[in-house]
Amino acid sequence: MIGSPNLTQAHQPELDRCIKQTKPGQAGWAGWNAPNKTCAGGLHFEKEKRKSVSHDLKGRCDKFRKLTGKQGPKFSAQCFACRFFIEANVSYAKEKAAQKERPEGINNDAQHIHAGAPACN
């Protein structure tokens, strides 16, 4: 979780929920504009390369690295995806078109916000 659980609510409940679901290393607020998607299926998620089988796959967000110039910490692939989410099987041209269609700033449409937080470490 980013921030402190002891802070007063300063945002709309939907945005506050997204902030609480966001893990350090994600490029944007978790659950924002990517309904029912997790980082595991995203183009920007770089899965950890391991030989052992694990139920909780971790990795890093390449979009976070591109935006900040720093490699972010690893987080669970099961975290809700952020506004930069693009399906991993989408071509580069479709990716650019999708980025142009996404609104700048915050979208207040509650249908794009996830009410429940996934098991995300």
PDB file of N, CA and C in Angstrom:
ATOM      1  N   MET A   1       0.845  -1.185   0.000  1.00  0.00           N
ATOM      2  CA  MET A   1       0.000   0.000   0.000  1.00  0.00           C
ATOM      3  C   MET A   1       0.883   1.239   0.000  1.00  0.00           C
ATOM      4  N   ILE A   2       0.481   2.223  -0.752  1.00  0.00           N
ATOM      5  CA  ILE A   2       1.181   3.494  -0.772  1.00  0.00           C
ATOM      6  C   ILE A   2       0.477   4.410   0.218  1.00  0.00           C
ATOM      7  N   GLY A   3       1.239   5.118   1.030  1.00  0.00           N
ATOM      8  CA  GLY A   3       0.654   5.997   2.031  1.00  0.00           C
ATOM      9  C   GLY A   3       0.534   5.299   3.368  1.00  0.00           C
ATOM     10  N   SER A   4      -0.245   5.885   4.251  1.00  0.00           N
ATOM     11  CA  SER A   4      -0.416   5.370   5.599  1.00  0.00           C
ATOM     12  C   SER A   4      -1.888   5.064   5.858  1.00  0.00           C
ATOM     13  N   PRO A   5      -2.192   3.955   6.545  1.00  0.00           N
ATOM     14  CA  PRO A   5      -3.592   3.657   6.854  1.00  0.00           C
ATOM     15  C   PRO A   5      -4.174   4.624   7.880  1.00  0.00           C
ATOM     16  N   ASN A   6      -3.336   5.444   8.509  1.00  0.00           N
ATOM     17  CA  ASN A   6      -3.785   6.357   9.554  1.00  0.00           C
ATOM     18  C   ASN A   6      -4.184   7.732   9.028  1.00  0.00           C
ATOM     19  N   LEU A   7      -4.102   7.948   7.723  1.00  0.00           N
ATOM     20  CA  LEU A   7      -4.458   9.242   7.155  1.00  0.00           C
ATOM     21  C   LEU A   7      -5.970   9.376   7.024  1.00  0.00           C
ATOM     22  N   THR A   8      -6.462  10.612   7.094  1.00  0.00           N
ATOM     23  CA  THR A   8      -7.886  10.846   6.868  1.00  0.00           C
ATOM     24  C   THR A   8      -8.170  10.726   5.381  1.00  0.00           C
ATOM     25  N   GLN A   9      -9.405  10.443   5.029  1.00  0.00           N
ATOM     26  CA  GLN A   9      -9.773  10.293   3.626  1.00  0.00           C
ATOM     27  C   GLN A   9      -9.820  11.670   2.978  1.00  0.00           C
ATOM     28  N   ALA A  10      -8.958  11.898   1.993  1.00  0.00           N
ATOM     29  CA  ALA A  10      -8.884  13.193   1.330  1.00  0.00           C
ATOM     30  C   ALA A  10      -9.405  13.144  -0.099  1.00  0.00           C
ATOM     31  N   HIS A  11      -9.760  11.960  -0.580  1.00  0.00           N
ATOM     32  CA  HIS A  11     -10.181  11.790  -1.964  1.00  0.00           C
ATOM     33  C   HIS A  11     -11.578  11.183  -2.009  1.00  0.00           C
ATOM     34  N   GLN A  12     -12.117  11.088  -3.218  1.00  0.00           N
ATOM     35  CA  GLN A  12     -13.364  10.371  -3.412  1.00  0.00           C
ATOM     36  C   GLN A  12     -13.142   8.925  -2.974  1.00  0.00           C
ATOM     37  N   PRO A  13     -14.171   8.243  -2.481  1.00  0.00           N
ATOM     38  CA  PRO A  13     -13.997   6.858  -2.023  1.00  0.00           C
ATOM     39  C   PRO A  13     -13.408   5.934  -3.089  1.00  0.00           C
ATOM     40  N   GLU A  14     -13.780   6.133  -4.366  1.00  0.00           N
ATOM     41  CA  GLU A  14     -13.267   5.277  -5.434  1.00  0.00           C
ATOM     42  C   GLU A  14     -11.760   5.458  -5.603  1.00  0.00           C
ATOM     43  N   LEU A  15     -11.300   6.707  -5.628  1.00  0.00           N
ATOM     44  CA  LEU A  15      -9.877   6.985  -5.779  1.00  0.00           C
ATOM     45  C   LEU A  15      -9.114   6.524  -4.546  1.00  0.00           C
ATOM     46  N   ASP A  16      -9.689   6.731  -3.375  1.00  0.00           N
ATOM     47  CA  ASP A  16      -9.047   6.286  -2.142  1.00  0.00           C
ATOM     48  C   ASP A  16      -8.832   4.768  -2.160  1.00  0.00           C
ATOM     49  N   ARG A  17      -9.806   4.030  -2.663  1.00  0.00           N
ATOM     50  CA  ARG A  17      -9.702   2.575  -2.766  1.00  0.00           C
ATOM     51  C   ARG A  17      -8.569   2.186  -3.730  1.00  0.00           C
ATOM     52  N   CYS A  18      -8.470   2.893  -4.849  1.00  0.00           N
ATOM     53  CA  CYS A  18      -7.400   2.622  -5.817  1.00  0.00           C
ATOM     54  C   CYS A  18      -6.026   2.890  -5.212  1.00  0.00           C
ATOM     55  N   ILE A  19      -5.914   3.978  -4.492  1.00  0.00           N
ATOM     56  CA  ILE A  19      -4.635   4.320  -3.863  1.00  0.00           C
ATOM     57  C   ILE A  19      -4.225   3.229  -2.883  1.00  0.00           C
ATOM     58  N   LYS A  20      -5.180   2.728  -2.100  1.00  0.00           N
ATOM     59  CA  LYS A  20      -4.879   1.681  -1.123  1.00  0.00           C
ATOM     60  C   LYS A  20      -4.497   0.367  -1.795  1.00  0.00           C
ATOM     61  N   GLN A  21      -5.012   0.098  -2.995  1.00  0.00           N
ATOM     62  CA  GLN A  21      -4.703  -1.142  -3.706  1.00  0.00           C
ATOM     63  C   GLN A  21      -3.371  -1.069  -4.456  1.00  0.00           C
ATOM     64  N   THR A  22      -2.865   0.128  -4.685  1.00  0.00           N
ATOM     65  CA  THR A  22      -1.647   0.313  -5.473  1.00  0.00           C
ATOM     66  C   THR A  22      -0.412  -0.099  -4.679  1.00  0.00           C
ATOM     67  N   LYS A  23       0.455  -0.845  -5.354  1.00  0.00           N
ATOM     68  CA  LYS A  23       1.700  -1.305  -4.745  1.00  0.00           C
ATOM     69  C   LYS A  23       2.859  -0.453  -5.239  1.00  0.00           C
ATOM     70  N   PRO A  24       3.870  -0.254  -4.403  1.00  0.00           N
ATOM     71  CA  PRO A  24       5.064   0.454  -4.871  1.00  0.00           C
ATOM     72  C   PRO A  24       5.624  -0.251  -6.108  1.00  0.00           C
ATOM     73  N   GLY A  25       5.925   0.520  -7.137  1.00  0.00           N
ATOM     74  CA  GLY A  25       6.443  -0.037  -8.378  1.00  0.00           C
ATOM     75  C   GLY A  25       5.423  -0.046  -9.500  1.00  0.00           C
ATOM     76  N   GLN A  26       4.140   0.195  -9.187  1.00  0.00           N
ATOM     77  CA  GLN A  26       3.131   0.280 -10.239  1.00  0.00           C
ATOM     78  C   GLN A  26       3.169   1.683 -10.844  1.00  0.00           C
ATOM     79  N   ALA A  27       2.922   1.774 -12.153  1.00  0.00           N
ATOM     80  CA  ALA A  27       3.030   3.042 -12.869  1.00  0.00           C
ATOM     81  C   ALA A  27       1.858   3.986 -12.620  1.00  0.00           C
ATOM     82  N   GLY A  28       0.728   3.471 -12.197  1.00  0.00           N
ATOM     83  CA  GLY A  28      -0.459   4.291 -11.939  1.00  0.00           C
ATOM     84  C   GLY A  28      -1.299   3.660 -10.856  1.00  0.00           C
ATOM     85  N   TRP A  29      -2.420   4.307 -10.521  1.00  0.00           N
ATOM     86  CA  TRP A  29      -3.295   3.768  -9.478  1.00  0.00           C
ATOM     87  C   TRP A  29      -3.877   2.426  -9.919  1.00  0.00           C
ATOM     88  N   ALA A  30      -3.799   1.444  -9.058  1.00  0.00           N
ATOM     89  CA  ALA A  30      -4.326   0.100  -9.352  1.00  0.00           C
ATOM     90  C   ALA A  30      -5.836   0.147  -9.504  1.00  0.00           C
ATOM     91  N   GLY A  31      -6.351  -0.539 -10.519  1.00  0.00           N
ATOM     92  CA  GLY A  31      -7.788  -0.608 -10.723  1.00  0.00           C
ATOM     93  C   GLY A  31      -8.385   0.576 -11.446  1.00  0.00           C
ATOM     94  N   TRP A  32      -7.565   1.486 -11.949  1.00  0.00           N
ATOM     95  CA  TRP A  32      -8.059   2.686 -12.592  1.00  0.00           C
ATOM     96  C   TRP A  32      -8.083   2.492 -14.108  1.00  0.00           C
ATOM     97  N   ASN A  33      -9.260   2.496 -14.725  1.00  0.00           N
ATOM     98  CA  ASN A  33      -9.452   2.383 -16.173  1.00  0.00           C
ATOM     99  C   ASN A  33      -9.048   1.038 -16.762  1.00  0.00           C
ATOM    100  N   ALA A  34      -8.864   0.010 -15.970  1.00  0.00           N
ATOM    101  CA  ALA A  34      -8.564  -1.330 -16.483  1.00  0.00           C
ATOM    102  C   ALA A  34      -9.415  -2.341 -15.717  1.00  0.00           C
ATOM    103  N   PRO A  35     -10.745  -2.321 -15.918  1.00  0.00           N
ATOM    104  CA  PRO A  35     -11.616  -3.193 -15.134  1.00  0.00           C
ATOM    105  C   PRO A  35     -11.319  -4.671 -15.349  1.00  0.00           C
ATOM    106  N   ASN A  36     -11.280  -5.393 -14.246  1.00  0.00           N
ATOM    107  CA  ASN A  36     -11.081  -6.849 -14.242  1.00  0.00           C
ATOM    108  C   ASN A  36      -9.769  -7.303 -14.874  1.00  0.00           C
ATOM    109  N   LYS A  37      -8.766  -6.465 -14.898  1.00  0.00           N
ATOM    110  CA  LYS A  37      -7.460  -6.828 -15.452  1.00  0.00           C
ATOM    111  C   LYS A  37      -6.428  -6.833 -14.336  1.00  0.00           C
ATOM    112  N   THR A  38      -5.472  -7.740 -14.447  1.00  0.00           N
ATOM    113  CA  THR A  38      -4.357  -7.763 -13.508  1.00  0.00           C
ATOM    114  C   THR A  38      -3.066  -7.536 -14.287  1.00  0.00           C
ATOM    115  N   CYS A  39      -2.028  -7.181 -13.590  1.00  0.00           N
ATOM    116  CA  CYS A  39      -0.749  -6.902 -14.234  1.00  0.00           C
ATOM    117  C   CYS A  39      -0.200  -8.118 -14.983  1.00  0.00           C
ATOM    118  N   ALA A  40      -0.583  -9.319 -14.559  1.00  0.00           N
ATOM    119  CA  ALA A  40      -0.066 -10.550 -15.163  1.00  0.00           C
ATOM    120  C   ALA A  40      -0.304 -10.610 -16.670  1.00  0.00           C
ATOM    121  N   GLY A  41      -1.402 -10.064 -17.157  1.00  0.00           N
ATOM    122  CA  GLY A  41      -1.711 -10.127 -18.576  1.00  0.00           C
ATOM    123  C   GLY A  41      -1.289  -8.904 -19.359  1.00  0.00           C
ATOM    124  N   GLY A  42      -0.521  -8.035 -18.737  1.00  0.00           N
ATOM    125  CA  GLY A  42      -0.171  -6.774 -19.366  1.00  0.00           C
ATOM    126  C   GLY A  42       1.152  -6.770 -20.115  1.00  0.00           C
ATOM    127  N   LEU A  43       1.220  -5.913 -21.098  1.00  0.00           N
ATOM    128  CA  LEU A  43       2.401  -5.748 -21.930  1.00  0.00           C
ATOM    129  C   LEU A  43       3.588  -5.222 -21.130  1.00  0.00           C
ATOM    130  N   HIS A  44       3.334  -4.384 -20.135  1.00  0.00           N
ATOM    131  CA  HIS A  44       4.421  -3.743 -19.390  1.00  0.00           C
ATOM    132  C   HIS A  44       4.947  -4.566 -18.218  1.00  0.00           C
ATOM    133  N   PHE A  45       4.267  -5.650 -17.861  1.00  0.00           N
ATOM    134  CA  PHE A  45       4.679  -6.432 -16.686  1.00  0.00           C
ATOM    135  C   PHE A  45       5.780  -7.413 -17.068  1.00  0.00           C
ATOM    136  N   GLU A  46       6.931  -7.287 -16.422  1.00  0.00           N
ATOM    137  CA  GLU A  46       8.075  -8.173 -16.666  1.00  0.00           C
ATOM    138  C   GLU A  46       8.111  -9.214 -15.566  1.00  0.00           C
ATOM    139  N   LYS A  47       7.706 -10.427 -15.913  1.00  0.00           N
ATOM    140  CA  LYS A  47       7.645 -11.503 -14.926  1.00  0.00           C
ATOM    141  C   LYS A  47       9.029 -11.915 -14.478  1.00  0.00           C
ATOM    142  N   GLU A  48       9.105 -12.248 -13.212  1.00  0.00           N
ATOM    143  CA  GLU A  48      10.347 -12.736 -12.623  1.00  0.00           C
ATOM    144  C   GLU A  48      10.692 -14.084 -13.258  1.00  0.00           C
ATOM    145  N   LYS A  49      11.931 -14.260 -13.649  1.00  0.00           N
ATOM    146  CA  LYS A  49      12.357 -15.520 -14.262  1.00  0.00           C
ATOM    147  C   LYS A  49      12.890 -16.443 -13.177  1.00  0.00           C
ATOM    148  N   ARG A  50      12.111 -17.507 -12.900  1.00  0.00           N
ATOM    149  CA  ARG A  50      12.487 -18.491 -11.880  1.00  0.00           C
ATOM    150  C   ARG A  50      12.254 -19.883 -12.418  1.00  0.00           C
ATOM    151  N   LYS A  51      13.016 -20.822 -11.929  1.00  0.00           N
ATOM    152  CA  LYS A  51      12.823 -22.217 -12.318  1.00  0.00           C
ATOM    153  C   LYS A  51      11.768 -22.888 -11.450  1.00  0.00           C
ATOM    154  N   SER A  52      11.586 -22.425 -10.233  1.00  0.00           N
ATOM    155  CA  SER A  52      10.607 -23.047  -9.340  1.00  0.00           C
ATOM    156  C   SER A  52       9.199 -22.548  -9.657  1.00  0.00           C
ATOM    157  N   VAL A  53       8.217 -23.371  -9.367  1.00  0.00           N
ATOM    158  CA  VAL A  53       6.817 -23.016  -9.593  1.00  0.00           C
ATOM    159  C   VAL A  53       6.290 -22.315  -8.345  1.00  0.00           C
ATOM    160  N   SER A  54       5.623 -21.200  -8.555  1.00  0.00           N
ATOM    161  CA  SER A  54       5.077 -20.443  -7.433  1.00  0.00           C
ATOM    162  C   SER A  54       3.657 -20.004  -7.778  1.00  0.00           C
ATOM    163  N   HIS A  55       2.798 -19.984  -6.781  1.00  0.00           N
ATOM    164  CA  HIS A  55       1.429 -19.527  -6.997  1.00  0.00           C
ATOM    165  C   HIS A  55       1.344 -18.010  -7.042  1.00  0.00           C
ATOM    166  N   ASP A  56       2.329 -17.344  -6.468  1.00  0.00           N
ATOM    167  CA  ASP A  56       2.329 -15.890  -6.450  1.00  0.00           C
ATOM    168  C   ASP A  56       3.501 -15.380  -7.275  1.00  0.00           C
ATOM    169  N   LEU A  57       3.297 -15.279  -8.574  1.00  0.00           N
ATOM    170  CA  LEU A  57       4.326 -14.794  -9.480  1.00  0.00           C
ATOM    171  C   LEU A  57       4.535 -13.304  -9.238  1.00  0.00           C
ATOM    172  N   LYS A  58       5.781 -12.895  -9.179  1.00  0.00           N
ATOM    173  CA  LYS A  58       6.101 -11.486  -8.988  1.00  0.00           C
ATOM    174  C   LYS A  58       6.880 -10.972 -10.183  1.00  0.00           C
ATOM    175  N   GLY A  59       6.938  -9.680 -10.304  1.00  0.00           N
ATOM    176  CA  GLY A  59       7.674  -9.066 -11.390  1.00  0.00           C
ATOM    177  C   GLY A  59       7.735  -7.559 -11.202  1.00  0.00           C
ATOM    178  N   ARG A  60       8.190  -6.879 -12.258  1.00  0.00           N
ATOM    179  CA  ARG A  60       8.328  -5.425 -12.218  1.00  0.00           C
ATOM    180  C   ARG A  60       7.563  -4.802 -13.381  1.00  0.00           C
ATOM    181  N   CYS A  61       7.217  -3.548 -13.226  1.00  0.00           N
ATOM    182  CA  CYS A  61       6.502  -2.807 -14.254  1.00  0.00           C
ATOM    183  C   CYS A  61       7.498  -2.022 -15.102  1.00  0.00           C
ATOM    184  N   ASP A  62       7.553  -2.351 -16.394  1.00  0.00           N
ATOM    185  CA  ASP A  62       8.447  -1.656 -17.307  1.00  0.00           C
ATOM    186  C   ASP A  62       7.985  -0.223 -17.549  1.00  0.00           C
ATOM    187  N   LYS A  63       6.685   0.021 -17.503  1.00  0.00           N
ATOM    188  CA  LYS A  63       6.167   1.383 -17.685  1.00  0.00           C
ATOM    189  C   LYS A  63       6.623   2.277 -16.533  1.00  0.00           C
ATOM    190  N   PHE A  64       6.681   1.736 -15.311  1.00  0.00           N
ATOM    191  CA  PHE A  64       7.190   2.485 -14.157  1.00  0.00           C
ATOM    192  C   PHE A  64       8.633   2.913 -14.429  1.00  0.00           C
ATOM    193  N   ARG A  65       9.445   1.976 -14.949  1.00  0.00           N
ATOM    194  CA  ARG A  65      10.849   2.265 -15.251  1.00  0.00           C
ATOM    195  C   ARG A  65      10.956   3.355 -16.312  1.00  0.00           C
ATOM    196  N   LYS A  66      10.115   3.276 -17.348  1.00  0.00           N
ATOM    197  CA  LYS A  66      10.164   4.276 -18.423  1.00  0.00           C
ATOM    198  C   LYS A  66       9.741   5.658 -17.937  1.00  0.00           C
ATOM    199  N   LEU A  67       8.783   5.711 -17.027  1.00  0.00           N
ATOM    200  CA  LEU A  67       8.298   6.997 -16.519  1.00  0.00           C
ATOM    201  C   LEU A  67       9.236   7.632 -15.505  1.00  0.00           C
ATOM    202  N   THR A  68       9.864   6.809 -14.674  1.00  0.00           N
ATOM    203  CA  THR A  68      10.686   7.351 -13.585  1.00  0.00           C
ATOM    204  C   THR A  68      12.186   7.279 -13.843  1.00  0.00           C
ATOM    205  N   GLY A  69      12.594   6.402 -14.761  1.00  0.00           N
ATOM    206  CA  GLY A  69      14.020   6.198 -14.996  1.00  0.00           C
ATOM    207  C   GLY A  69      14.649   5.296 -13.949  1.00  0.00           C
ATOM    208  N   LYS A  70      13.823   4.707 -13.092  1.00  0.00           N
ATOM    209  CA  LYS A  70      14.311   3.821 -12.029  1.00  0.00           C
ATOM    210  C   LYS A  70      13.576   2.493 -12.097  1.00  0.00           C
ATOM    211  N   GLN A  71      14.264   1.441 -11.694  1.00  0.00           N
ATOM    212  CA  GLN A  71      13.624   0.126 -11.628  1.00  0.00           C
ATOM    213  C   GLN A  71      12.845   0.042 -10.320  1.00  0.00           C
ATOM    214  N   GLY A  72      11.557  -0.212 -10.421  1.00  0.00           N
ATOM    215  CA  GLY A  72      10.707  -0.288  -9.237  1.00  0.00           C
ATOM    216  C   GLY A  72      10.822  -1.625  -8.537  1.00  0.00           C
ATOM    217  N   PRO A  73      10.295  -1.716  -7.324  1.00  0.00           N
ATOM    218  CA  PRO A  73      10.319  -2.985  -6.596  1.00  0.00           C
ATOM    219  C   PRO A  73       9.387  -4.013  -7.237  1.00  0.00           C
ATOM    220  N   LYS A  74       9.641  -5.278  -6.950  1.00  0.00           N
ATOM    221  CA  LYS A  74       8.783  -6.351  -7.457  1.00  0.00           C
ATOM    222  C   LYS A  74       7.461  -6.342  -6.699  1.00  0.00           C
ATOM    223  N   PHE A  75       6.405  -6.729  -7.399  1.00  0.00           N
ATOM    224  CA  PHE A  75       5.087  -6.872  -6.773  1.00  0.00           C
ATOM    225  C   PHE A  75       4.352  -8.012  -7.457  1.00  0.00           C
ATOM    226  N   SER A  76       3.258  -8.440  -6.875  1.00  0.00           N
ATOM    227  CA  SER A  76       2.500  -9.590  -7.357  1.00  0.00           C
ATOM    228  C   SER A  76       1.870  -9.331  -8.728  1.00  0.00           C
ATOM    229  N   ALA A  77       1.908 -10.344  -9.577  1.00  0.00           N
ATOM    230  CA  ALA A  77       1.282 -10.268 -10.893  1.00  0.00           C
ATOM    231  C   ALA A  77      -0.237 -10.212 -10.777  1.00  0.00           C
ATOM    232  N   GLN A  78      -0.784 -10.559  -9.625  1.00  0.00           N
ATOM    233  CA  GLN A  78      -2.228 -10.573  -9.414  1.00  0.00           C
ATOM    234  C   GLN A  78      -2.790  -9.230  -8.965  1.00  0.00           C
ATOM    235  N   CYS A  79      -1.961  -8.209  -8.861  1.00  0.00           N
ATOM    236  CA  CYS A  79      -2.449  -6.872  -8.508  1.00  0.00           C
ATOM    237  C   CYS A  79      -3.305  -6.331  -9.638  1.00  0.00           C
ATOM    238  N   PHE A  80      -4.304  -5.523  -9.285  1.00  0.00           N
ATOM    239  CA  PHE A  80      -5.111  -4.886 -10.314  1.00  0.00           C
ATOM    240  C   PHE A  80      -4.230  -3.989 -11.171  1.00  0.00           C
ATOM    241  N   ALA A  81      -4.484  -3.984 -12.463  1.00  0.00           N
ATOM    242  CA  ALA A  81      -3.702  -3.193 -13.407  1.00  0.00           C
ATOM    243  C   ALA A  81      -4.065  -1.714 -13.311  1.00  0.00           C
ATOM    244  N   CYS A  82      -3.156  -0.875 -13.777  1.00  0.00           N
ATOM    245  CA  CYS A  82      -3.375   0.574 -13.744  1.00  0.00           C
ATOM    246  C   CYS A  82      -3.844   1.084 -15.106  1.00  0.00           C
ATOM    247  N   ARG A  83      -3.915   2.402 -15.253  1.00  0.00           N
ATOM    248  CA  ARG A  83      -4.417   3.009 -16.487  1.00  0.00           C
ATOM    249  C   ARG A  83      -3.510   2.781 -17.686  1.00  0.00           C
ATOM    250  N   PHE A  84      -2.282   2.358 -17.459  1.00  0.00           N
ATOM    251  CA  PHE A  84      -1.352   2.098 -18.554  1.00  0.00           C
ATOM    252  C   PHE A  84      -1.467   0.667 -19.079  1.00  0.00           C
ATOM    253  N   PHE A  85      -2.416  -0.111 -18.551  1.00  0.00           N
ATOM    254  CA  PHE A  85      -2.548  -1.510 -18.939  1.00  0.00           C
ATOM    255  C   PHE A  85      -2.871  -1.655 -20.423  1.00  0.00           C
ATOM    256  N   ILE A  86      -2.134  -2.546 -21.078  1.00  0.00           N
ATOM    257  CA  ILE A  86      -2.377  -2.934 -22.466  1.00  0.00           C
ATOM    258  C   ILE A  86      -2.187  -4.439 -22.515  1.00  0.00           C
ATOM    259  N   GLU A  87      -3.129  -5.140 -23.132  1.00  0.00           N
ATOM    260  CA  GLU A  87      -3.024  -6.597 -23.246  1.00  0.00           C
ATOM    261  C   GLU A  87      -1.673  -6.965 -23.856  1.00  0.00           C
ATOM    262  N   ALA A  88      -1.053  -8.000 -23.344  1.00  0.00           N
ATOM    263  CA  ALA A  88       0.276  -8.414 -23.798  1.00  0.00           C
ATOM    264  C   ALA A  88       0.289  -8.865 -25.252  1.00  0.00           C
ATOM    265  N   ASN A  89      -0.840  -9.290 -25.800  1.00  0.00           N
ATOM    266  CA  ASN A  89      -0.865  -9.768 -27.180  1.00  0.00           C
ATOM    267  C   ASN A  89      -1.281  -8.704 -28.190  1.00  0.00           C
ATOM    268  N   VAL A  90      -1.330  -7.446 -27.780  1.00  0.00           N
ATOM    269  CA  VAL A  90      -1.720  -6.357 -28.669  1.00  0.00           C
ATOM    270  C   VAL A  90      -0.487  -5.856 -29.421  1.00  0.00           C
ATOM    271  N   SER A  91      -0.637  -5.555 -30.688  1.00  0.00           N
ATOM    272  CA  SER A  91       0.491  -5.069 -31.481  1.00  0.00           C
ATOM    273  C   SER A  91       0.876  -3.657 -31.056  1.00  0.00           C
ATOM    274  N   TYR A  92       2.057  -3.223 -31.480  1.00  0.00           N
ATOM    275  CA  TYR A  92       2.561  -1.898 -31.121  1.00  0.00           C
ATOM    276  C   TYR A  92       1.647  -0.791 -31.652  1.00  0.00           C
ATOM    277  N   ALA A  93       1.146  -0.933 -32.864  1.00  0.00           N
ATOM    278  CA  ALA A  93       0.258   0.081 -33.450  1.00  0.00           C
ATOM    279  C   ALA A  93      -1.031   0.206 -32.645  1.00  0.00           C
ATOM    280  N   LYS A  94      -1.596  -0.918 -32.224  1.00  0.00           N
ATOM    281  CA  LYS A  94      -2.812  -0.883 -31.418  1.00  0.00           C
ATOM    282  C   LYS A  94      -2.526  -0.275 -30.048  1.00  0.00           C
ATOM    283  N   GLU A  95      -1.323  -0.518 -29.526  1.00  0.00           N
ATOM    284  CA  GLU A  95      -0.940   0.060 -28.235  1.00  0.00           C
ATOM    285  C   GLU A  95      -0.954   1.576 -28.322  1.00  0.00           C
ATOM    286  N   LYS A  96      -0.353   2.128 -29.358  1.00  0.00           N
ATOM    287  CA  LYS A  96      -0.312   3.580 -29.522  1.00  0.00           C
ATOM    288  C   LYS A  96      -1.718   4.158 -29.675  1.00  0.00           C
ATOM    289  N   ALA A  97      -2.576   3.483 -30.427  1.00  0.00           N
ATOM    290  CA  ALA A  97      -3.955   3.943 -30.607  1.00  0.00           C
ATOM    291  C   ALA A  97      -4.703   3.909 -29.281  1.00  0.00           C
ATOM    292  N   ALA A  98      -4.485   2.869 -28.479  1.00  0.00           N
ATOM    293  CA  ALA A  98      -5.150   2.752 -27.176  1.00  0.00           C
ATOM    294  C   ALA A  98      -4.690   3.856 -26.238  1.00  0.00           C
ATOM    295  N   GLN A  99      -3.418   4.212 -26.286  1.00  0.00           N
ATOM    296  CA  GLN A  99      -2.900   5.268 -25.420  1.00  0.00           C
ATOM    297  C   GLN A  99      -3.529   6.615 -25.756  1.00  0.00           C
ATOM    298  N   LYS A 100      -3.783   6.862 -27.047  1.00  0.00           N
ATOM    299  CA  LYS A 100      -4.396   8.126 -27.452  1.00  0.00           C
ATOM    300  C   LYS A 100      -5.848   8.226 -27.003  1.00  0.00           C
ATOM    301  N   GLU A 101      -6.533   7.081 -26.916  1.00  0.00           N
ATOM    302  CA  GLU A 101      -7.936   7.062 -26.519  1.00  0.00           C
ATOM    303  C   GLU A 101      -8.125   7.231 -25.028  1.00  0.00           C
ATOM    304  N   ARG A 102      -7.108   6.922 -24.227  1.00  0.00           N
ATOM    305  CA  ARG A 102      -7.233   7.020 -22.773  1.00  0.00           C
ATOM    306  C   ARG A 102      -7.282   8.481 -22.361  1.00  0.00           C
ATOM    307  N   PRO A 103      -8.184   8.814 -21.458  1.00  0.00           N
ATOM    308  CA  PRO A 103      -8.286  10.202 -21.008  1.00  0.00           C
ATOM    309  C   PRO A 103      -7.101  10.586 -20.128  1.00  0.00           C
ATOM    310  N   GLU A 104      -6.750  11.840 -20.195  1.00  0.00           N
ATOM    311  CA  GLU A 104      -5.713  12.363 -19.312  1.00  0.00           C
ATOM    312  C   GLU A 104      -6.350  12.663 -17.963  1.00  0.00           C
ATOM    313  N   GLY A 105      -5.595  12.525 -16.910  1.00  0.00           N
ATOM    314  CA  GLY A 105      -6.108  12.826 -15.584  1.00  0.00           C
ATOM    315  C   GLY A 105      -6.974  11.721 -15.029  1.00  0.00           C
ATOM    316  N   ILE A 106      -7.885  12.087 -14.164  1.00  0.00           N
ATOM    317  CA  ILE A 106      -8.677  11.111 -13.430  1.00  0.00           C
ATOM    318  C   ILE A 106     -10.060  10.970 -14.049  1.00  0.00           C
ATOM    319  N   ASN A 107     -10.487   9.734 -14.236  1.00  0.00           N
ATOM    320  CA  ASN A 107     -11.827   9.430 -14.732  1.00  0.00           C
ATOM    321  C   ASN A 107     -12.690   9.099 -13.513  1.00  0.00           C
ATOM    322  N   ASN A 108     -13.769   9.826 -13.311  1.00  0.00           N
ATOM    323  CA  ASN A 108     -14.607   9.626 -12.125  1.00  0.00           C
ATOM    324  C   ASN A 108     -15.691   8.580 -12.326  1.00  0.00           C
ATOM    325  N   ASP A 109     -15.663   7.845 -13.414  1.00  0.00           N
ATOM    326  CA  ASP A 109     -16.663   6.828 -13.692  1.00  0.00           C
ATOM    327  C   ASP A 109     -16.459   5.633 -12.764  1.00  0.00           C
ATOM    328  N   ALA A 110     -17.362   5.424 -11.843  1.00  0.00           N
ATOM    329  CA  ALA A 110     -17.203   4.393 -10.802  1.00  0.00           C
ATOM    330  C   ALA A 110     -17.177   2.977 -11.360  1.00  0.00           C
ATOM    331  N   GLN A 111     -17.687   2.735 -12.562  1.00  0.00           N
ATOM    332  CA  GLN A 111     -17.675   1.379 -13.100  1.00  0.00           C
ATOM    333  C   GLN A 111     -16.269   0.893 -13.402  1.00  0.00           C
ATOM    334  N   HIS A 112     -15.300   1.793 -13.486  1.00  0.00           N
ATOM    335  CA  HIS A 112     -13.928   1.413 -13.776  1.00  0.00           C
ATOM    336  C   HIS A 112     -13.111   1.159 -12.508  1.00  0.00           C
ATOM    337  N   ILE A 113     -13.739   1.253 -11.365  1.00  0.00           N
ATOM    338  CA  ILE A 113     -13.043   1.096 -10.100  1.00  0.00           C
ATOM    339  C   ILE A 113     -13.386  -0.251  -9.481  1.00  0.00           C
ATOM    340  N   HIS A 114     -12.385  -0.944  -8.988  1.00  0.00           N
ATOM    341  CA  HIS A 114     -12.599  -2.238  -8.359  1.00  0.00           C
ATOM    342  C   HIS A 114     -12.920  -2.052  -6.881  1.00  0.00           C
ATOM    343  N   ALA A 115     -13.990  -2.651  -6.435  1.00  0.00           N
ATOM    344  CA  ALA A 115     -14.394  -2.532  -5.037  1.00  0.00           C
ATOM    345  C   ALA A 115     -13.569  -3.443  -4.145  1.00  0.00           C
ATOM    346  N   GLY A 116     -13.203  -4.616  -4.620  1.00  0.00           N
ATOM    347  CA  GLY A 116     -12.450  -5.572  -3.800  1.00  0.00           C
ATOM    348  C   GLY A 116     -10.990  -5.576  -4.176  1.00  0.00           C
ATOM    349  N   ALA A 117     -10.148  -5.696  -3.200  1.00  0.00           N
ATOM    350  CA  ALA A 117      -8.703  -5.755  -3.458  1.00  0.00           C
ATOM    351  C   ALA A 117      -8.267  -7.190  -3.645  1.00  0.00           C
ATOM    352  N   PRO A 118      -7.415  -7.471  -4.624  1.00  0.00           N
ATOM    353  CA  PRO A 118      -6.931  -8.842  -4.800  1.00  0.00           C
ATOM    354  C   PRO A 118      -5.896  -9.189  -3.745  1.00  0.00           C
ATOM    355  N   ALA A 119      -5.595 -10.469  -3.634  1.00  0.00           N
ATOM    356  CA  ALA A 119      -4.522 -10.892  -2.744  1.00  0.00           C
ATOM    357  C   ALA A 119      -3.219 -10.463  -3.378  1.00  0.00           C
ATOM    358  N   CYS A 120      -2.704  -9.371  -2.950  1.00  0.00           N
ATOM    359  CA  CYS A 120      -1.595  -8.725  -3.625  1.00  0.00           C
ATOM    360  C   CYS A 120      -0.532  -8.335  -2.603  1.00  0.00           C
ATOM    361  N   ASN A 121       0.672  -8.866  -2.757  1.00  0.00           N
ATOM    362  CA  ASN A 121       1.748  -8.557  -1.802  1.00  0.00           C
ATOM    363  C   ASN A 121       2.852  -7.786  -2.454  1.00  0.00           C
TER     364      ASN A 121
END
